[in-house]
C-alpha atoms as a PDB file:
ATOM      1  CA  MET A   1     -24.365  20.592  -7.003  1.00  0.00           C
ATOM      2  CA  PRO A   2     -26.007  19.651 -10.333  1.00  0.00           C
ATOM      3  CA  TRP A   3     -28.623  16.881 -10.249  1.00  0.00           C
ATOM      4  CA  SER A   4     -30.354  17.381 -13.570  1.00  0.00           C
ATOM      5  CA  PHE A   5     -29.755  16.637 -17.240  1.00  0.00           C
ATOM      6  CA  ALA A   6     -30.129  20.395 -17.717  1.00  0.00           C
ATOM      7  CA  ASP A   7     -26.759  20.778 -15.950  1.00  0.00           C
ATOM      8  CA  VAL A   8     -24.940  18.323 -18.225  1.00  0.00           C
ATOM      9  CA  LEU A   9     -22.935  20.161 -20.899  1.00  0.00           C
ATOM     10  CA  GLY A  10     -22.165  18.825 -24.354  1.00  0.00           C
ATOM     11  CA  GLN A  11     -23.543  15.302 -23.900  1.00  0.00           C
ATOM     12  CA  GLU A  12     -26.752  15.618 -25.895  1.00  0.00           C
ATOM     13  CA  GLU A  13     -26.459  12.166 -27.472  1.00  0.00           C
ATOM     14  CA  ALA A  14     -25.980  10.417 -24.116  1.00  0.00           C
ATOM     15  CA  VAL A  15     -28.782  12.408 -22.452  1.00  0.00           C
ATOM     16  CA  SER A  16     -31.172  11.677 -25.333  1.00  0.00           C
ATOM     17  CA  ARG A  17     -30.426   7.974 -25.119  1.00  0.00           C
ATOM     18  CA  LEU A  18     -30.906   7.917 -21.344  1.00  0.00           C
ATOM     19  CA  ASN A  19     -34.190   9.792 -21.582  1.00  0.00           C
ATOM     20  CA  ARG A  20     -35.510   7.157 -23.982  1.00  0.00           C
ATOM     21  CA  GLU A  21     -34.401   4.343 -21.712  1.00  0.00           C
ATOM     22  CA  PHE A  22     -35.956   5.936 -18.633  1.00  0.00           C
ATOM     23  CA  ALA A  23     -39.207   6.717 -20.474  1.00  0.00           C
ATOM     24  CA  LEU A  24     -39.529   3.173 -21.854  1.00  0.00           C
ATOM     25  CA  GLY A  25     -38.574   1.479 -18.598  1.00  0.00           C
ATOM     26  CA  ARG A  26     -35.470  -0.055 -20.166  1.00  0.00           C
ATOM     27  CA  THR A  27     -32.970   1.201 -17.647  1.00  0.00           C
ATOM     28  CA  ALA A  28     -30.037  -1.140 -17.050  1.00  0.00           C
ATOM     29  CA  HIS A  29     -29.168  -2.190 -13.506  1.00  0.00           C
ATOM     30  CA  ALA A  30     -25.575  -0.975 -14.020  1.00  0.00           C
ATOM     31  CA  TYR A  31     -23.981   1.653 -16.263  1.00  0.00           C
ATOM     32  CA  MET A  32     -20.322   2.293 -16.975  1.00  0.00           C
ATOM     33  CA  LEU A  33     -19.766   5.987 -17.788  1.00  0.00           C
ATOM     34  CA  GLU A  34     -16.509   6.147 -19.727  1.00  0.00           C
ATOM     35  CA  GLY A  35     -14.521   9.253 -20.599  1.00  0.00           C
ATOM     36  CA  ALA A  36     -11.476  11.375 -19.847  1.00  0.00           C
ATOM     37  CA  GLU A  37     -10.755  12.659 -16.364  1.00  0.00           C
ATOM     38  CA  GLY A  38     -12.818  15.790 -15.733  1.00  0.00           C
ATOM     39  CA  ALA A  39     -15.061  15.288 -18.781  1.00  0.00           C
ATOM     40  CA  GLY A  40     -18.248  15.310 -16.704  1.00  0.00           C
ATOM     41  CA  LYS A  41     -18.868  11.635 -15.925  1.00  0.00           C
ATOM     42  CA  LEU A  42     -19.759  12.246 -12.288  1.00  0.00           C
ATOM     43  CA  THR A  43     -22.032  15.165 -13.242  1.00  0.00           C
ATOM     44  CA  LEU A  44     -23.873  12.871 -15.651  1.00  0.00           C
ATOM     45  CA  ALA A  45     -24.128  10.099 -13.048  1.00  0.00           C
ATOM     46  CA  ARG A  46     -25.659  12.494 -10.535  1.00  0.00           C
ATOM     47  CA  ALA A  47     -28.060  13.775 -13.185  1.00  0.00           C
ATOM     48  CA  MET A  48     -29.126  10.182 -13.863  1.00  0.00           C
ATOM     49  CA  ALA A  49     -29.902   9.759 -10.172  1.00  0.00           C
ATOM     50  CA  GLY A  50     -31.839  13.033 -10.247  1.00  0.00           C
ATOM     51  CA  ARG A  51     -33.878  11.823 -13.218  1.00  0.00           C
ATOM     52  CA  LEU A  52     -34.514   8.484 -11.514  1.00  0.00           C
ATOM     53  CA  PHE A  53     -35.781  10.016  -8.283  1.00  0.00           C
ATOM     54  CA  CYS A  54     -37.552  13.158  -9.543  1.00  0.00           C
ATOM     55  CA  ARG A  55     -41.348  12.978  -9.357  1.00  0.00           C
ATOM     56  CA  GLU A  56     -42.005  15.557 -12.069  1.00  0.00           C
ATOM     57  CA  PRO A  57     -39.231  15.648 -14.692  1.00  0.00           C
ATOM     58  CA  ASN A  58     -39.882  18.018 -17.575  1.00  0.00           C
ATOM     59  CA  ALA A  59     -40.479  16.998 -21.184  1.00  0.00           C
ATOM     60  CA  GLY A  60     -36.723  16.892 -21.808  1.00  0.00           C
ATOM     61  CA  GLY A  61     -36.127  14.571 -18.865  1.00  0.00           C
ATOM     62  CA  ALA A  62     -34.555  17.229 -16.628  1.00  0.00           C
ATOM     63  CA  ALA A  63     -35.267  16.886 -12.911  1.00  0.00           C
ATOM     64  CA  CYS A  64     -37.631  19.566 -11.606  1.00  0.00           C
ATOM     65  CA  GLY A  65     -35.439  20.577  -8.674  1.00  0.00           C
ATOM     66  CA  VAL A  66     -38.380  21.360  -6.384  1.00  0.00           C
ATOM     67  CA  CYS A  67     -40.048  18.044  -5.471  1.00  0.00           C
ATOM     68  CA  ARG A  68     -39.092  16.344  -2.212  1.00  0.00           C
ATOM     69  CA  PRO A  69     -36.607  13.845  -3.765  1.00  0.00           C
ATOM     70  CA  CYS A  70     -34.888  16.666  -5.690  1.00  0.00           C
ATOM     71  CA  ARG A  71     -34.601  18.736  -2.514  1.00  0.00           C
ATOM     72  CA  LEU A  72     -33.189  15.768  -0.602  1.00  0.00           C
ATOM     73  CA  LEU A  73     -30.554  15.176  -3.288  1.00  0.00           C
ATOM     74  CA  ALA A  74     -29.626  18.855  -3.340  1.00  0.00           C
ATOM     75  CA  GLY A  75     -29.284  18.801   0.433  1.00  0.00           C
ATOM     76  CA  GLY A  76     -27.065  15.733   0.351  1.00  0.00           C
ATOM     77  CA  ASN A  77     -29.376  13.585   2.467  1.00  0.00           C
ATOM     78  CA  HIS A  78     -31.470  11.465   0.110  1.00  0.00           C
ATOM     79  CA  PRO A  79     -31.793   8.111   1.939  1.00  0.00           C
ATOM     80  CA  ASP A  80     -31.878   6.071  -1.291  1.00  0.00           C
ATOM     81  CA  TYR A  81     -28.696   7.550  -2.804  1.00  0.00           C
ATOM     82  CA  LEU A  82     -25.117   6.533  -2.005  1.00  0.00           C
ATOM     83  CA  GLU A  83     -22.017   8.028  -3.601  1.00  0.00           C
ATOM     84  CA  LEU A  84     -18.724   6.485  -2.608  1.00  0.00           C
ATOM     85  CA  PRO A  85     -15.935   8.957  -1.762  1.00  0.00           C
ATOM     86  CA  ARG A  86     -13.757  10.050  -4.647  1.00  0.00           C
ATOM     87  CA  ASP A  87     -10.479   9.197  -2.940  1.00  0.00           C
ATOM     88  CA  PRO A  88      -7.875   8.999  -5.733  1.00  0.00           C
ATOM     89  CA  VAL A  89      -5.923   6.187  -4.086  1.00  0.00           C
ATOM     90  CA  GLU A  90      -8.147   3.107  -3.933  1.00  0.00           C
ATOM     91  CA  LEU A  91     -11.518   1.564  -3.167  1.00  0.00           C
ATOM     92  CA  ARG A  92     -11.095  -0.838  -0.281  1.00  0.00           C
ATOM     93  CA  LEU A  93     -12.515  -4.330  -0.054  1.00  0.00           C
ATOM     94  CA  GLY A  94     -14.787  -3.435   2.857  1.00  0.00           C
ATOM     95  CA  ARG A  95     -16.937  -1.320   0.561  1.00  0.00           C
ATOM     96  CA  PHE A  96     -18.146  -4.438  -1.244  1.00  0.00           C
ATOM     97  CA  LEU A  97     -18.667  -6.941   1.567  1.00  0.00           C
ATOM     98  CA  GLU A  98     -21.909  -7.876   3.286  1.00  0.00           C
ATOM     99  CA  ARG A  99     -21.120  -5.947   6.426  1.00  0.00           C
ATOM    100  CA  GLN A 100     -18.314  -3.942   7.926  1.00  0.00           C
ATOM    101  CA  GLY A 101     -17.181  -3.265  11.461  1.00  0.00           C
ATOM    102  CA  GLY A 102     -18.036   0.041  13.094  1.00  0.00           C
ATOM    103  CA  ALA A 103     -20.909   2.430  12.532  1.00  0.00           C
ATOM    104  CA  GLU A 104     -22.205   2.454   8.962  1.00  0.00           C
ATOM    105  CA  THR A 105     -21.864   6.126   8.093  1.00  0.00           C
ATOM    106  CA  VAL A 106     -21.769   7.550   4.580  1.00  0.00           C
ATOM    107  CA  GLU A 107     -17.993   7.748   4.943  1.00  0.00           C
ATOM    108  CA  HIS A 108     -17.580   3.972   5.013  1.00  0.00           C
ATOM    109  CA  GLN A 109     -20.970   2.442   4.255  1.00  0.00           C
ATOM    110  CA  PRO A 110     -20.668  -0.858   2.318  1.00  0.00           C
ATOM    111  CA  LEU A 111     -22.447  -1.010  -1.000  1.00  0.00           C
ATOM    112  CA  LEU A 112     -24.385  -4.287  -1.016  1.00  0.00           C
ATOM    113  CA  PRO A 113     -26.306  -3.838   2.267  1.00  0.00           C
ATOM    114  CA  PHE A 114     -27.290  -0.337   1.127  1.00  0.00           C
ATOM    115  CA  LEU A 115     -28.646  -1.591  -2.204  1.00  0.00           C
ATOM    116  CA  ARG A 116     -30.607  -4.385  -0.561  1.00  0.00           C
ATOM    117  CA  LEU A 117     -32.550  -2.031   1.696  1.00  0.00           C
ATOM    118  CA  LYS A 118     -36.078  -1.206   0.633  1.00  0.00           C
ATOM    119  CA  PRO A 119     -36.329   2.274  -0.945  1.00  0.00           C
ATOM    120  CA  THR A 120     -37.886   4.840   1.355  1.00  0.00           C
ATOM    121  CA  GLU A 121     -38.651   7.722  -1.021  1.00  0.00           C
ATOM    122  CA  GLY A 122     -39.814   5.903  -4.137  1.00  0.00           C
ATOM    123  CA  SER A 123     -39.136   2.703  -6.042  1.00  0.00           C
ATOM    124  CA  TRP A 124     -35.370   2.854  -6.539  1.00  0.00           C
ATOM    125  CA  ARG A 125     -32.028   2.964  -4.795  1.00  0.00           C
ATOM    126  CA  ALA A 126     -28.982   4.347  -6.615  1.00  0.00           C
ATOM    127  CA  ALA A 127     -25.257   4.069  -5.938  1.00  0.00           C
ATOM    128  CA  VAL A 128     -22.417   5.888  -7.703  1.00  0.00           C
ATOM    129  CA  ILE A 129     -18.839   4.590  -7.741  1.00  0.00           C
ATOM    130  CA  PRO A 130     -16.562   7.379  -9.010  1.00  0.00           C
ATOM    131  CA  ALA A 131     -13.253   6.337 -10.603  1.00  0.00           C
ATOM    132  CA  ALA A 132     -14.137   2.647 -10.350  1.00  0.00           C
ATOM    133  CA  GLU A 133     -10.698   1.722 -11.681  1.00  0.00           C
ATOM    134  CA  ARG A 134      -9.455   2.260  -8.109  1.00  0.00           C
ATOM    135  CA  MET A 135     -10.808  -1.192  -7.224  1.00  0.00           C
ATOM    136  CA  ARG A 136      -8.078  -3.693  -6.500  1.00  0.00           C
ATOM    137  CA  ALA A 137      -8.542  -7.335  -7.506  1.00  0.00           C
ATOM    138  CA  GLU A 138     -10.110  -8.471  -4.233  1.00  0.00           C
ATOM    139  CA  ALA A 139     -12.546  -5.536  -4.213  1.00  0.00           C
ATOM    140  CA  ALA A 140     -13.459  -6.149  -7.862  1.00  0.00           C
ATOM    141  CA  ASN A 141     -14.147  -9.818  -7.145  1.00  0.00           C
ATOM    142  CA  ALA A 142     -16.428  -8.908  -4.244  1.00  0.00           C
ATOM    143  CA  PHE A 143     -18.222  -6.279  -6.354  1.00  0.00           C
ATOM    144  CA  LEU A 144     -18.722  -8.782  -9.170  1.00  0.00           C
ATOM    145  CA  LYS A 145     -21.094 -10.759  -6.965  1.00  0.00           C
ATOM    146  CA  THR A 146     -23.301  -7.674  -6.675  1.00  0.00           C
ATOM    147  CA  LEU A 147     -23.383  -7.273 -10.462  1.00  0.00           C
ATOM    148  CA  GLU A 148     -24.104 -10.952 -11.043  1.00  0.00           C
ATOM    149  CA  GLU A 149     -27.069 -10.908  -8.646  1.00  0.00           C
ATOM    150  CA  PRO A 150     -28.221  -7.262  -8.598  1.00  0.00           C
ATOM    151  CA  PRO A 151     -30.774  -6.294  -5.945  1.00  0.00           C
ATOM    152  CA  GLY A 152     -34.288  -5.511  -7.212  1.00  0.00           C
ATOM    153  CA  GLN A 153     -34.805  -1.838  -8.022  1.00  0.00           C
ATOM    154  CA  ALA A 154     -31.183  -0.741  -7.801  1.00  0.00           C
ATOM    155  CA  LEU A 155     -29.184   1.427 -10.186  1.00  0.00           C
ATOM    156  CA  ILE A 156     -25.378   1.189 -10.024  1.00  0.00           C
ATOM    157  CA  LEU A 157     -23.324   3.833 -11.834  1.00  0.00           C
ATOM    158  CA  LEU A 158     -19.576   3.463 -12.359  1.00  0.00           C
ATOM    159  CA  THR A 159     -17.347   6.167 -13.800  1.00  0.00           C
ATOM    160  CA  VAL A 160     -14.060   5.156 -15.471  1.00  0.00           C
ATOM    161  CA  ASN A 161     -11.456   6.816 -17.646  1.00  0.00           C
ATOM    162  CA  SER A 162     -11.260   3.667 -19.779  1.00  0.00           C
ATOM    163  CA  ARG A 163     -13.149   0.386 -19.814  1.00  0.00           C
ATOM    164  CA  ASP A 164      -9.767  -1.345 -20.103  1.00  0.00           C
ATOM    165  CA  SER A 165      -9.039  -0.271 -16.527  1.00  0.00           C
ATOM    166  CA  LEU A 166     -11.827  -2.558 -15.263  1.00  0.00           C
ATOM    167  CA  PRO A 167     -11.763  -6.359 -15.247  1.00  0.00           C
ATOM    168  CA  PRO A 168     -13.672  -7.633 -18.304  1.00  0.00           C
ATOM    169  CA  THR A 169     -16.038  -9.527 -16.003  1.00  0.00           C
ATOM    170  CA  ILE A 170     -17.223  -6.209 -14.553  1.00  0.00           C
ATOM    171  CA  ALA A 171     -17.186  -4.140 -17.749  1.00  0.00           C
ATOM    172  CA  SER A 172     -19.236  -6.759 -19.614  1.00  0.00           C
ATOM    173  CA  ARG A 173     -22.014  -6.586 -17.017  1.00  0.00           C
ATOM    174  CA  CYS A 174     -22.483  -2.816 -17.352  1.00  0.00           C
ATOM    175  CA  ARG A 175     -24.166  -0.867 -20.125  1.00  0.00           C
ATOM    176  CA  ARG A 176     -21.512   1.461 -21.536  1.00  0.00           C
ATOM    177  CA  LEU A 177     -22.158   5.170 -21.918  1.00  0.00           C
ATOM    178  CA  GLY A 178     -19.457   7.325 -23.530  1.00  0.00           C
ATOM    179  CA  VAL A 179     -18.838  10.839 -22.187  1.00  0.00           C
ATOM    180  CA  ARG A 180     -17.137  12.995 -24.792  1.00  0.00           C
ATOM    181  CA  PRO A 181     -14.738  15.913 -24.248  1.00  0.00           C
ATOM    182  CA  LEU A 182     -16.252  19.335 -24.857  1.00  0.00           C
ATOM    183  CA  PRO A 183     -15.071  21.674 -27.612  1.00  0.00           C
ATOM    184  CA  ALA A 184     -12.384  23.998 -26.253  1.00  0.00           C
ATOM    185  CA  ALA A 185     -14.599  27.009 -27.005  1.00  0.00           C
ATOM    186  CA  ALA A 186     -17.376  25.594 -24.818  1.00  0.00           C
ATOM    187  CA  VAL A 187     -14.956  24.981 -21.941  1.00  0.00           C
ATOM    188  CA  ALA A 188     -13.537  28.499 -22.274  1.00  0.00           C
ATOM    189  CA  ALA A 189     -17.012  30.032 -22.279  1.00  0.00           C
ATOM    190  CA  GLU A 190     -17.938  28.102 -19.132  1.00  0.00           C
ATOM    191  CA  LEU A 191     -14.730  29.215 -17.375  1.00  0.00           C
ATOM    192  CA  THR A 192     -15.577  32.824 -18.207  1.00  0.00           C
ATOM    193  CA  ARG A 193     -19.159  32.390 -17.010  1.00  0.00           C
ATOM    194  CA  ARG A 194     -18.289  30.652 -13.752  1.00  0.00           C
ATOM    195  CA  LEU A 195     -14.997  32.269 -12.781  1.00  0.00           C
ATOM    196  CA  GLY A 196     -14.870  35.512 -14.741  1.00  0.00           C
ATOM    197  CA  ILE A 197     -11.575  34.495 -16.392  1.00  0.00           C
ATOM    198  CA  ASP A 198     -10.703  36.664 -19.388  1.00  0.00           C
ATOM    199  CA  GLY A 199     -10.976  35.200 -22.870  1.00  0.00           C
ATOM    200  CA  ARG A 200      -7.302  34.538 -23.626  1.00  0.00           C
ATOM    201  CA  GLU A 201      -6.563  32.820 -20.318  1.00  0.00           C
ATOM    202  CA  ALA A 202      -9.802  30.827 -20.542  1.00  0.00           C
ATOM    203  CA  GLU A 203      -8.833  29.617 -24.014  1.00  0.00           C
ATOM    204  CA  GLU A 204      -5.385  28.562 -22.783  1.00  0.00           C
ATOM    205  CA  LEU A 205      -6.843  26.573 -19.892  1.00  0.00           C
ATOM    206  CA  ALA A 206      -9.503  25.004 -22.096  1.00  0.00           C
ATOM    207  CA  GLU A 207      -6.905  23.835 -24.637  1.00  0.00           C
ATOM    208  CA  ALA A 208      -4.640  22.484 -21.903  1.00  0.00           C
ATOM    209  CA  ALA A 209      -7.515  20.601 -20.256  1.00  0.00           C
ATOM    210  CA  GLU A 210      -8.224  18.707 -23.494  1.00  0.00           C
ATOM    211  CA  GLY A 211     -11.949  19.434 -23.442  1.00  0.00           C
ATOM    212  CA  ALA A 212     -12.485  18.382 -19.809  1.00  0.00           C
ATOM    213  CA  LEU A 213     -14.318  21.140 -17.940  1.00  0.00           C
ATOM    214  CA  GLY A 214     -13.575  19.598 -14.541  1.00  0.00           C
ATOM    215  CA  LYS A 215      -9.865  19.565 -15.313  1.00  0.00           C
ATOM    216  CA  ALA A 216     -10.003  23.165 -16.558  1.00  0.00           C
ATOM    217  CA  LEU A 217     -11.689  24.249 -13.326  1.00  0.00           C
ATOM    218  CA  GLU A 218      -8.976  22.439 -11.365  1.00  0.00           C
ATOM    219  CA  LEU A 219      -6.251  24.178 -13.385  1.00  0.00           C
ATOM    220  CA  ALA A 220      -7.807  27.553 -12.659  1.00  0.00           C
ATOM    221  CA  GLY A 221      -7.011  27.265  -8.948  1.00  0.00           C
ATOM    222  CA  SER A 222      -4.150  29.592  -8.017  1.00  0.00           C
ATOM    223  CA  GLN A 223      -1.680  27.024  -6.647  1.00  0.00           C
ATOM    224  CA  THR A 224      -2.509  24.473  -9.327  1.00  0.00           C
ATOM    225  CA  LEU A 225      -2.277  27.073 -12.088  1.00  0.00           C
ATOM    226  CA  ASP A 226       1.168  28.265 -10.981  1.00  0.00           C
ATOM    227  CA  PHE A 227       2.434  24.668 -10.797  1.00  0.00           C
ATOM    228  CA  TRP A 228       0.965  23.672 -14.164  1.00  0.00           C
ATOM    229  CA  ARG A 229       2.360  26.791 -15.892  1.00  0.00           C
ATOM    230  CA  TRP A 230       5.827  25.971 -14.595  1.00  0.00           C
ATOM    231  CA  LEU A 231       5.428  22.408 -15.905  1.00  0.00           C
ATOM    232  CA  ASP A 232       4.120  23.657 -19.233  1.00  0.00           C
ATOM    233  CA  ARG A 233       6.671  26.415 -19.852  1.00  0.00           C
ATOM    234  CA  GLU A 234       9.903  25.557 -18.043  1.00  0.00           C
ATOM    235  CA  ALA A 235      10.185  22.126 -16.465  1.00  0.00           C
ATOM    236  CA  PHE A 236      11.184  20.147 -19.570  1.00  0.00           C
ATOM    237  CA  ASP A 237      13.217  22.703 -21.540  1.00  0.00           C
ATOM    238  CA  SER A 238      16.638  21.275 -20.604  1.00  0.00           C
ATOM    239  CA  PRO A 239      16.364  17.604 -19.601  1.00  0.00           C
ATOM    240  CA  GLY A 240      19.199  16.626 -17.296  1.00  0.00           C
ATOM    241  CA  VAL A 241      20.187  15.936 -13.707  1.00  0.00           C
ATOM    242  CA  LEU A 242      19.492  19.469 -12.485  1.00  0.00           C
ATOM    243  CA  SER A 243      16.136  19.580 -14.226  1.00  0.00           C
ATOM    244  CA  ALA A 244      15.238  16.181 -12.787  1.00  0.00           C
ATOM    245  CA  LYS A 245      16.080  17.389  -9.282  1.00  0.00           C
ATOM    246  CA  ALA A 246      13.966  20.519  -9.816  1.00  0.00           C
ATOM    247  CA  LEU A 247      11.061  18.386 -11.067  1.00  0.00           C
ATOM    248  CA  ALA A 248      11.306  16.019  -8.093  1.00  0.00           C
ATOM    249  CA  ASP A 249      11.429  18.981  -5.671  1.00  0.00           C
ATOM    250  CA  ALA A 250       8.382  20.549  -7.351  1.00  0.00           C
ATOM    251  CA  TRP A 251       6.431  17.291  -7.172  1.00  0.00           C
ATOM    252  CA  LEU A 252       7.369  16.751  -3.536  1.00  0.00           C
ATOM    253  CA  GLY A 253       6.520  20.351  -2.671  1.00  0.00           C
ATOM    254  CA  TYR A 254       3.123  20.028  -4.323  1.00  0.00           C
ATOM    255  CA  GLY A 255       2.523  16.810  -2.430  1.00  0.00           C
ATOM    256  CA  SER A 256       3.651  17.933   1.017  1.00  0.00           C
ATOM    257  CA  LYS A 257       0.978  20.401   2.036  1.00  0.00           C
ATOM    258  CA  ASN A 258      -0.274  18.042   4.735  1.00  0.00           C
ATOM    259  CA  SER A 259       1.871  15.929   7.033  1.00  0.00           C
ATOM    260  CA  GLU A 260      -0.542  12.983   6.906  1.00  0.00           C
ATOM    261  CA  SER A 261       0.542  10.225   4.547  1.00  0.00           C
ATOM    262  CA  GLY A 262      -2.903   9.935   2.933  1.00  0.00           C
ATOM    263  CA  GLU A 263      -2.854  13.580   1.873  1.00  0.00           C
ATOM    264  CA  LYS A 264       0.708  13.305   0.601  1.00  0.00           C
ATOM    265  CA  ARG A 265      -0.314  10.360  -1.537  1.00  0.00           C
ATOM    266  CA  LYS A 266      -3.309  12.204  -3.016  1.00  0.00           C
ATOM    267  CA  ASN A 267      -1.250  15.296  -3.768  1.00  0.00           C
ATOM    268  CA  ALA A 268       1.505  13.211  -5.340  1.00  0.00           C
ATOM    269  CA  LEU A 269      -1.056  11.625  -7.675  1.00  0.00           C
ATOM    270  CA  ALA A 270      -2.388  15.075  -8.553  1.00  0.00           C
ATOM    271  CA  ALA A 271       1.144  16.299  -9.344  1.00  0.00           C
ATOM    272  CA  LEU A 272       1.759  13.329 -11.648  1.00  0.00           C
ATOM    273  CA  ASP A 273      -1.573  13.912 -13.383  1.00  0.00           C
ATOM    274  CA  LEU A 274      -0.768  17.579 -14.033  1.00  0.00           C
ATOM    275  CA  THR A 275       2.642  16.596 -15.375  1.00  0.00           C
ATOM    276  CA  ALA A 276       1.056  14.167 -17.822  1.00  0.00           C
ATOM    277  CA  LEU A 277      -1.288  16.941 -18.925  1.00  0.00           C
ATOM    278  CA  ALA A 278       1.655  19.272 -19.582  1.00  0.00           C
ATOM    279  CA  LEU A 279       3.565  16.597 -21.519  1.00  0.00           C
ATOM    280  CA  ARG A 280       0.568  15.779 -23.692  1.00  0.00           C
ATOM    281  CA  ARG A 281       0.295  19.487 -24.528  1.00  0.00           C
ATOM    282  CA  ARG A 282       3.951  19.525 -25.523  1.00  0.00           C
ATOM    283  CA  LEU A 283       3.323  16.454 -27.649  1.00  0.00           C
ATOM    284  CA  ARG A 284       0.612  18.360 -29.534  1.00  0.00           C
ATOM    285  CA  ARG A 285       3.114  21.170 -30.064  1.00  0.00           C
ATOM    286  CA  GLY A 286       5.871  19.005 -31.510  1.00  0.00           C
ATOM    287  CA  LEU A 287       7.527  16.910 -28.798  1.00  0.00           C
ATOM    288  CA  SER A 288       8.782  13.604 -30.202  1.00  0.00           C
ATOM    289  CA  PRO A 289       6.024  10.966 -29.847  1.00  0.00           C
ATOM    290  CA  GLY A 290       8.603   8.354 -28.833  1.00  0.00           C
ATOM    291  CA  ARG A 291      10.019  10.487 -26.048  1.00  0.00           C
ATOM    292  CA  ALA A 292       6.616  11.680 -24.897  1.00  0.00           C
ATOM    293  CA  GLY A 293       5.208   8.145 -24.887  1.00  0.00           C
ATOM    294  CA  LYS A 294       8.094   6.819 -22.787  1.00  0.00           C
ATOM    295  CA  ALA A 295       7.774   9.694 -20.298  1.00  0.00           C
ATOM    296  CA  LEU A 296       4.006   9.228 -20.018  1.00  0.00           C
ATOM    297  CA  ASP A 297       4.484   5.494 -19.395  1.00  0.00           C
ATOM    298  CA  ILE A 298       6.855   6.357 -16.537  1.00  0.00           C
ATOM    299  CA  LEU A 299       4.302   8.741 -15.035  1.00  0.00           C
ATOM    300  CA  TRP A 300       1.583   6.099 -15.272  1.00  0.00           C
ATOM    301  CA  LEU A 301       3.770   3.525 -13.522  1.00  0.00           C
ATOM    302  CA  ALA A 302       4.659   6.051 -10.819  1.00  0.00           C
ATOM    303  CA  GLY A 303       0.958   6.644 -10.213  1.00  0.00           C
ATOM    304  CA  GLU A 304       0.299   2.907  -9.889  1.00  0.00           C
ATOM    305  CA  GLN A 305       3.189   2.523  -7.428  1.00  0.00           C
ATOM    306  CA  THR A 306       1.877   5.454  -5.393  1.00  0.00           C
ATOM    307  CA  ARG A 307      -1.582   3.881  -5.220  1.00  0.00           C
ATOM    308  CA  LEU A 308       0.015   0.641  -4.041  1.00  0.00           C
ATOM    309  CA  ASN A 309       1.357   2.452  -0.960  1.00  0.00           C
ATOM    310  CA  VAL A 310       4.959   2.786  -2.077  1.00  0.00           C
ATOM    311  CA  ARG A 311       6.339   5.904  -0.357  1.00  0.00           C
ATOM    312  CA  PRO A 312       5.512   8.928  -2.574  1.00  0.00           C
ATOM    313  CA  ASP A 313       8.878  10.600  -1.990  1.00  0.00           C
ATOM    314  CA  VAL A 314      10.744   7.505  -3.203  1.00  0.00           C
ATOM    315  CA  VAL A 315       8.460   7.075  -6.224  1.00  0.00           C
ATOM    316  CA  LEU A 316       8.594  10.722  -7.274  1.00  0.00           C
ATOM    317  CA  LEU A 317      12.352  11.070  -6.959  1.00  0.00           C
ATOM    318  CA  SER A 318      12.967   7.999  -9.120  1.00  0.00           C
ATOM    319  CA  ALA A 319      10.282   8.950 -11.665  1.00  0.00           C
ATOM    320  CA  ALA A 320      11.635  12.482 -12.112  1.00  0.00           C
ATOM    321  CA  PHE A 321      15.064  11.210 -13.163  1.00  0.00           C
ATOM    322  CA  GLU A 322      13.529   8.547 -15.430  1.00  0.00           C
ATOM    323  CA  VAL A 323      11.244  11.101 -17.128  1.00  0.00           C
ATOM    324  CA  MET A 324      14.106  13.483 -17.822  1.00  0.00           C
ATOM    325  CA  ALA A 325      16.255  10.653 -19.134  1.00  0.00           C
ATOM    326  CA  ALA A 326      13.430   9.598 -21.481  1.00  0.00           C
ATOM    327  CA  LEU A 327      13.065  13.140 -22.816  1.00  0.00           C
ATOM    328  CA  ARG A 328      16.817  13.492 -23.352  1.00  0.00           C
ATOM    329  CA  ARG A 329      17.191  10.390 -25.553  1.00  0.00           C
END
């Protein structure tokens, strides 16, 4: 797992700015890392923690990787670092309260008590909240208290797809850091380097992923790739009742690998996300902006309903027919 600025691709401006802030002691208590899904926000957040904890960063600000704090981070057991799980559904209120019932393991450790503890390996504690837009109103209100009265030497890092997905009261209390998509050629080269994918396929995945390396790596998985290619090449060719039924069946099949409702919900959200990716690619290749926009709005609403615990099978069946109707108009 990368923990150094040396592992952050294509974000030279952001890394340069952070290095200056760290060197001058002007680090904010909270940062909002904003950018597209899979663009590298979490990689950058982890690299910031690595830079904060490393005892001997190099001249470019990259963590050394060999000191004790670097080894603890790499091993996943640094006592002053907390990263909340990247569950795509929601961040629950209990994460942001003073205390929570049960044993306080990493799996459900609340944020504020962790930040208030005295650092054990240096002068700082750091917490990362991936996909912070998952916070519901009550969780956001509880978290706001932490931002209004931040503990001493604590660094809080939020990743979001868009600042508009956070309440203004939270966004305004964080220093914004934009994470830009990579050039398609850079994504393709990284796919070839990491996975050995041939040039033409790597270029196709890079273009489809819209410059997000994380999304391209996700697409490269065998099951995901087969599903996305069907979405990209066949699913929307003949909008109608039969096509809507086929789309609903494909979504439900992709989201039914595990009988547990939590897994079904996560897989349903992933299926909707891949569908939006395929539609945006069709938009770039000539699909009517009006039709594409309506269909994408339907997918977004379906995702919100799924996160709000509406049954995924009900949501997906309705959304499939609505999407096909939007594309047919």
